[in-house]
Amino acid sequence: MGIYVDDIINFSASDTVDKTFEQLLSSLGQVDFMGQVSLFLGTEFTWTHHSDGNLIVILTQQSFTETLIDSLNIQSNHISHFFTPYKSGQCIDSVKHKDMSLKDRDELRLKYQSLIGSLNWLSITTRLDLSTVVSLLVQHQGNPSPSHYEAALYATKYLANTETMGISFSSSHCSVLQLFLHFPIENLILSMADVNWGPQDASISSSKQDLPYFVSQSMSAFYIDLLGPLHWMSIREKVTAASLAEAKIYATDECIKVLLDLVQIMEFFDL
C-alpha cells in the first residue's frame, strides 16, 4: 500500500484481502474506490494480462511530460535530433558563469529551479535515463548560468522525443535484461553498479594537486532490478577518489546500503 496525503494505492494477490481492506477502510470514513489503478500522482499505469498467467505493468508520465514541454513552448518539429539527454562534448562542469545583474540572476535562478524540479521528479519516478544529467544540473541551482539553463532545456527536448518511455514490471523474468547481460538471472534481485572516475570535465586532469572543489569527485551509479526497475541512483561521490578502484568501492557501497534496506523490508514482511 502506498499513501500520499489523501490518495491511496494498494495491491494484493488475494481478492479476499482486497475486499476486507476496503470494508475496514470504509468503516473509518468516506472513501471512493476507483478500481484498478490507471492514474496515480501523475503516473499512468498500463496493465497487460497474458494467457500464461503473467502480468506486465508499464508506468509512464506522458501527460506530465507534455505539460512541461508545452509550458516551455517547445515545438516538436525542432527536436527530431535529440536522442540523448546530455549533449555530447558539452560538459556541464565546464560551463562558465556569466556576469549578470542581480535582477536577471534571480529571474534565471527561479526559472532554472522550476525546470530542474520537474526534471528531477521525472528522473526519480519513471525516467531513470535522466538521472545522471539531472544529478549534474541540480548542483548548480544556487548560481546557474544561461548555459546551465540551455543544458536543462536540451534534456527537456530529449523528453519531447521520448515522452512515451517509462519503466515496466513483469511477473516473469526479464528476457531483454538477460540478453543484454549475456547470462541468465537466477535470482529475482539483480544489482549493478558502475562509476565514471575523476572530474567529468576532460580538461581538468585528475592528477592535479589542487583539484577544483565539488567537480573533482567521480560520478557513480547503481541500478537494482526486481522484476523491473526497483531503485536507481546517479550521484557525485562525496569524496575525491584517488583511483578507479577506490571510486568503484564507493559506488558499490552506496548500492549495498540500499540492498540491505531492501532485505530488512522483505524480512519484516516475511517475504
Protein backbone atom coordinates (compact mmCIF):
# COMPACT_ATOMS: atom_id res chain seq x y z
CA MET A 1 0.00 0.00 0.00
CA GLY A 2 1.18 3.49 -0.80
CA ILE A 3 -0.23 6.66 0.79
CA TYR A 4 0.24 10.25 -0.36
CA VAL A 5 -1.88 12.72 1.66
CA ASP A 6 -5.43 11.51 0.84
CA ASP A 7 -4.55 9.33 -2.16
CA ILE A 8 -4.06 5.61 -1.54
CA ILE A 9 -2.89 2.85 -3.86
CA ASN A 10 -2.97 -0.79 -2.78
CA PHE A 11 -2.18 -4.16 -4.31
CA SER A 12 -2.87 -7.70 -3.14
CA ALA A 13 -2.62 -11.19 -4.62
CA SER A 14 -5.90 -12.06 -2.89
CA ASP A 15 -9.36 -10.73 -3.76
CA THR A 16 -10.47 -11.59 -0.22
CA VAL A 17 -7.75 -9.39 1.26
CA ASP A 18 -8.74 -6.56 -1.09
CA LYS A 19 -12.40 -6.71 -0.05
CA THR A 20 -11.53 -6.89 3.65
CA PHE A 21 -9.22 -3.89 3.30
CA GLU A 22 -11.94 -1.87 1.55
CA GLN A 23 -14.51 -2.75 4.24
CA LEU A 24 -12.19 -1.80 7.10
CA LEU A 25 -11.08 1.44 5.45
CA SER A 26 -14.68 2.41 4.64
CA SER A 27 -15.59 1.98 8.28
CA LEU A 28 -13.19 4.82 9.17
CA GLY A 29 -14.64 7.43 6.84
CA GLN A 30 -15.88 8.23 3.36
CA VAL A 31 -13.69 6.58 0.72
CA ASP A 32 -14.05 6.32 -3.06
CA PHE A 33 -12.67 3.12 -4.57
CA MET A 34 -11.83 3.61 -8.23
CA GLY A 35 -10.93 0.07 -9.29
CA GLN A 36 -7.72 -0.98 -10.99
CA VAL A 37 -5.29 1.91 -10.94
CA SER A 38 -4.75 3.68 -14.26
CA LEU A 39 -3.52 7.07 -12.98
CA PHE A 40 -1.86 7.86 -9.65
CA LEU A 41 0.01 11.08 -8.79
CA GLY A 42 0.51 11.86 -12.47
CA THR A 43 1.82 8.39 -13.31
CA GLU A 44 -0.08 6.37 -15.91
CA PHE A 45 -0.38 2.58 -15.40
CA THR A 46 -0.95 0.24 -18.37
CA TRP A 47 -1.74 -3.37 -17.46
CA THR A 48 -1.38 -6.43 -19.69
CA HIS A 49 -2.66 -9.86 -18.60
CA HIS A 50 -1.15 -12.72 -20.64
CA SER A 51 -2.79 -16.05 -21.30
CA ASP A 52 0.02 -17.85 -19.45
CA GLY A 53 -0.92 -16.02 -16.24
CA ASN A 54 1.91 -13.48 -16.32
CA LEU A 55 1.19 -9.83 -15.67
CA ILE A 56 3.02 -6.77 -17.05
CA VAL A 57 2.51 -3.18 -15.95
CA ILE A 58 4.08 -0.17 -17.68
CA LEU A 59 4.46 3.14 -15.82
CA THR A 60 4.79 6.37 -17.80
CA GLN A 61 4.44 10.11 -17.16
CA GLN A 62 3.49 11.23 -20.64
CA SER A 63 0.88 13.77 -19.52
CA PHE A 64 3.29 15.41 -17.06
CA THR A 65 5.98 15.49 -19.76
CA GLU A 66 3.64 17.04 -22.32
CA THR A 67 2.58 19.72 -19.83
CA LEU A 68 6.24 20.54 -19.15
CA ILE A 69 7.04 20.74 -22.86
CA ASP A 70 4.02 22.97 -23.56
CA SER A 71 4.94 25.31 -20.69
CA LEU A 72 8.33 25.89 -22.32
CA ASN A 73 6.79 26.33 -25.79
CA ILE A 74 8.98 23.61 -27.28
CA GLN A 75 7.86 22.71 -30.79
CA SER A 76 8.00 19.02 -31.70
CA ASN A 77 9.30 19.77 -35.22
CA HIS A 78 12.50 21.23 -33.69
CA ILE A 79 13.59 18.24 -31.59
CA SER A 80 13.97 15.32 -34.00
CA HIS A 81 17.75 15.04 -33.41
CA PHE A 82 17.66 14.96 -29.59
CA PHE A 83 18.44 11.29 -28.96
CA THR A 84 20.15 11.63 -25.56
CA PRO A 85 19.50 13.87 -22.54
CA TYR A 86 23.11 15.07 -22.50
CA LYS A 87 24.74 16.93 -25.37
CA SER A 88 27.96 15.23 -26.34
CA GLY A 89 31.05 17.38 -25.90
CA GLN A 90 29.28 19.98 -23.75
CA CYS A 91 30.38 19.18 -20.22
CA ILE A 92 28.09 20.76 -17.64
CA ASP A 93 31.00 21.07 -15.19
CA SER A 94 32.91 23.26 -17.66
CA VAL A 95 30.11 25.80 -18.13
CA LYS A 96 31.38 29.29 -17.37
CA HIS A 97 29.40 31.60 -15.15
CA LYS A 98 28.25 34.85 -16.71
CA ASP A 99 28.20 38.28 -15.11
CA MET A 100 24.56 39.29 -14.70
CA SER A 101 22.57 41.89 -12.84
CA LEU A 102 21.01 40.78 -9.57
CA LYS A 103 17.52 41.01 -11.07
CA ASP A 104 18.45 38.90 -14.12
CA ARG A 105 20.26 36.39 -11.89
CA ASP A 106 17.22 35.96 -9.65
CA GLU A 107 14.89 35.53 -12.62
CA LEU A 108 17.19 32.92 -14.16
CA ARG A 109 17.57 31.10 -10.84
CA LEU A 110 13.79 30.80 -10.34
CA LYS A 111 13.24 29.66 -13.92
CA TYR A 112 16.11 27.16 -13.67
CA GLN A 113 14.99 25.73 -10.32
CA SER A 114 11.46 25.25 -11.61
CA LEU A 115 12.68 23.31 -14.64
CA ILE A 116 15.15 21.21 -12.64
CA GLY A 117 12.40 20.35 -10.14
CA SER A 118 10.26 18.95 -12.96
CA LEU A 119 13.16 17.01 -14.47
CA ASN A 120 14.12 15.64 -11.05
CA TRP A 121 10.56 14.42 -10.41
CA LEU A 122 10.64 12.51 -13.69
CA SER A 123 14.13 11.11 -13.04
CA ILE A 124 13.20 9.57 -9.67
CA THR A 125 9.81 8.24 -10.79
CA THR A 126 9.88 6.70 -14.27
CA ARG A 127 12.73 8.24 -16.28
CA LEU A 128 15.93 6.78 -14.90
CA ASP A 129 17.65 7.78 -18.16
CA LEU A 130 17.60 11.37 -16.83
CA SER A 131 19.33 10.53 -13.55
CA THR A 132 22.89 11.49 -14.48
CA VAL A 133 22.18 14.75 -16.29
CA VAL A 134 19.76 15.87 -13.54
CA SER A 135 22.34 15.00 -10.89
CA LEU A 136 24.83 17.29 -12.63
CA LEU A 137 22.36 20.10 -13.28
CA VAL A 138 20.85 20.14 -9.80
CA GLN A 139 24.21 21.08 -8.27
CA HIS A 140 24.11 24.49 -9.98
CA GLN A 141 20.70 25.61 -8.72
CA GLY A 142 22.18 28.23 -6.41
CA ASN A 143 24.06 30.07 -9.15
CA PRO A 144 23.10 28.90 -12.64
CA SER A 145 24.34 30.46 -15.85
CA PRO A 146 22.36 30.75 -19.10
CA SER A 147 24.33 27.77 -20.43
CA HIS A 148 23.18 25.64 -17.49
CA TYR A 149 19.61 26.51 -18.42
CA GLU A 150 20.31 25.61 -22.04
CA ALA A 151 21.61 22.20 -20.90
CA ALA A 152 18.40 21.68 -18.92
CA LEU A 153 16.37 22.68 -22.00
CA TYR A 154 18.35 20.15 -24.04
CA ALA A 155 17.27 17.39 -21.64
CA THR A 156 13.67 18.60 -21.93
CA LYS A 157 13.81 18.49 -25.73
CA TYR A 158 15.08 14.93 -25.42
CA LEU A 159 11.95 14.22 -23.35
CA ALA A 160 9.80 15.63 -26.15
CA ASN A 161 11.31 12.98 -28.39
CA THR A 162 10.77 10.16 -25.88
CA GLU A 163 7.66 11.16 -23.92
CA THR A 164 6.10 7.67 -24.14
CA MET A 165 9.07 5.99 -22.44
CA GLY A 166 8.83 4.73 -18.86
CA ILE A 167 9.51 1.66 -16.76
CA SER A 168 7.85 -1.75 -16.70
CA PHE A 169 7.45 -4.62 -14.27
CA SER A 170 6.73 -8.21 -15.23
CA SER A 171 5.81 -11.22 -13.10
CA SER A 172 8.22 -13.27 -15.22
CA HIS A 173 11.97 -12.83 -15.59
CA CYS A 174 13.06 -10.11 -17.99
CA SER A 175 14.44 -11.82 -21.08
CA VAL A 176 15.57 -8.48 -22.53
CA LEU A 177 17.75 -7.78 -19.48
CA GLN A 178 19.16 -11.30 -19.59
CA LEU A 179 20.01 -10.82 -23.24
CA PHE A 180 21.77 -7.53 -22.51
CA LEU A 181 23.88 -9.11 -19.74
CA HIS A 182 24.60 -12.29 -21.78
CA PHE A 183 23.77 -14.59 -18.87
CA PRO A 184 20.59 -15.84 -17.17
CA ILE A 185 19.44 -14.11 -13.99
CA GLU A 186 18.93 -16.85 -11.42
CA ASN A 187 17.88 -14.64 -8.51
CA LEU A 188 14.93 -12.26 -8.53
CA ILE A 189 17.06 -9.35 -7.35
CA LEU A 190 19.79 -8.06 -9.66
CA SER A 191 22.06 -5.16 -8.75
CA MET A 192 24.65 -3.38 -10.87
CA ALA A 193 26.99 -0.50 -10.02
CA ASP A 194 29.46 1.50 -12.08
CA VAL A 195 31.48 4.69 -11.92
CA ASN A 196 32.95 7.39 -14.14
CA TRP A 197 36.19 8.18 -12.35
CA GLY A 198 37.50 11.66 -11.75
CA PRO A 199 36.35 15.06 -12.99
CA GLN A 200 33.68 14.91 -15.69
CA ASP A 201 35.33 17.86 -17.44
CA ALA A 202 38.10 16.23 -19.50
CA SER A 203 40.10 19.48 -19.48
CA ILE A 204 40.68 19.00 -15.74
CA SER A 205 43.42 16.48 -15.07
CA SER A 206 42.63 14.05 -12.24
CA SER A 207 46.35 14.07 -11.36
CA LYS A 208 46.46 17.76 -10.40
CA GLN A 209 47.36 18.57 -6.83
CA ASP A 210 44.76 21.33 -6.49
CA LEU A 211 41.59 19.87 -7.97
CA PRO A 212 38.58 22.19 -8.09
CA TYR A 213 36.28 21.58 -5.16
CA PHE A 214 32.98 19.92 -5.96
CA VAL A 215 33.75 18.90 -9.56
CA SER A 216 36.69 16.59 -8.82
CA GLN A 217 34.56 13.76 -7.42
CA SER A 218 33.62 10.78 -9.57
CA MET A 219 30.10 10.11 -10.79
CA SER A 220 28.79 6.78 -9.53
CA ALA A 221 25.57 4.99 -10.32
CA PHE A 222 23.73 1.84 -9.40
CA TYR A 223 20.63 0.00 -10.53
CA ILE A 224 18.55 -2.59 -8.68
CA ASP A 225 16.10 -4.77 -10.57
CA LEU A 226 13.29 -6.82 -9.01
CA LEU A 227 11.10 -7.92 -11.93
CA GLY A 228 11.57 -4.33 -13.09
CA PRO A 229 13.50 -1.15 -12.15
CA LEU A 230 13.10 -1.05 -8.37
CA HIS A 231 15.71 1.55 -7.41
CA TRP A 232 18.36 3.57 -9.20
CA MET A 233 20.67 6.46 -8.49
CA SER A 234 23.33 8.50 -10.26
CA ILE A 235 25.26 10.81 -7.94
CA ARG A 236 28.53 12.60 -7.50
CA GLU A 237 30.60 10.89 -4.82
CA LYS A 238 31.20 12.75 -1.55
CA VAL A 239 34.99 12.36 -1.63
CA THR A 240 37.65 12.54 -4.33
CA ALA A 241 38.75 9.00 -5.16
CA ALA A 242 42.46 8.53 -5.80
CA SER A 243 41.87 5.67 -8.23
CA LEU A 244 39.20 3.98 -10.32
CA ALA A 245 39.22 1.02 -7.93
CA GLU A 246 38.55 3.31 -4.95
CA ALA A 247 35.72 5.06 -6.79
CA LYS A 248 34.13 1.71 -7.63
CA ILE A 249 34.23 0.72 -3.96
CA TYR A 250 32.27 3.87 -3.07
CA ALA A 251 29.71 3.15 -5.79
CA THR A 252 29.32 -0.46 -4.65
CA ASP A 253 28.96 0.69 -1.05
CA GLU A 254 26.04 3.01 -1.95
CA CYS A 255 24.33 0.15 -3.78
CA ILE A 256 24.80 -2.26 -0.88
CA LYS A 257 23.23 0.21 1.58
CA VAL A 258 20.03 0.17 -0.47
CA LEU A 259 20.16 -3.62 -0.83
CA LEU A 260 20.45 -4.01 2.95
CA ASP A 261 17.42 -1.74 3.41
CA LEU A 262 15.53 -3.87 0.90
CA VAL A 263 16.49 -7.09 2.69
CA GLN A 264 15.27 -5.70 6.02
CA ILE A 265 11.94 -4.67 4.47
CA MET A 266 11.45 -8.11 2.92
CA GLU A 267 12.35 -9.84 6.17
CA PHE A 268 9.91 -7.60 8.07
CA PHE A 269 7.09 -8.69 5.76
CA ASP A 270 8.31 -12.30 5.87
CA LEU A 271 8.90 -12.42 2.12
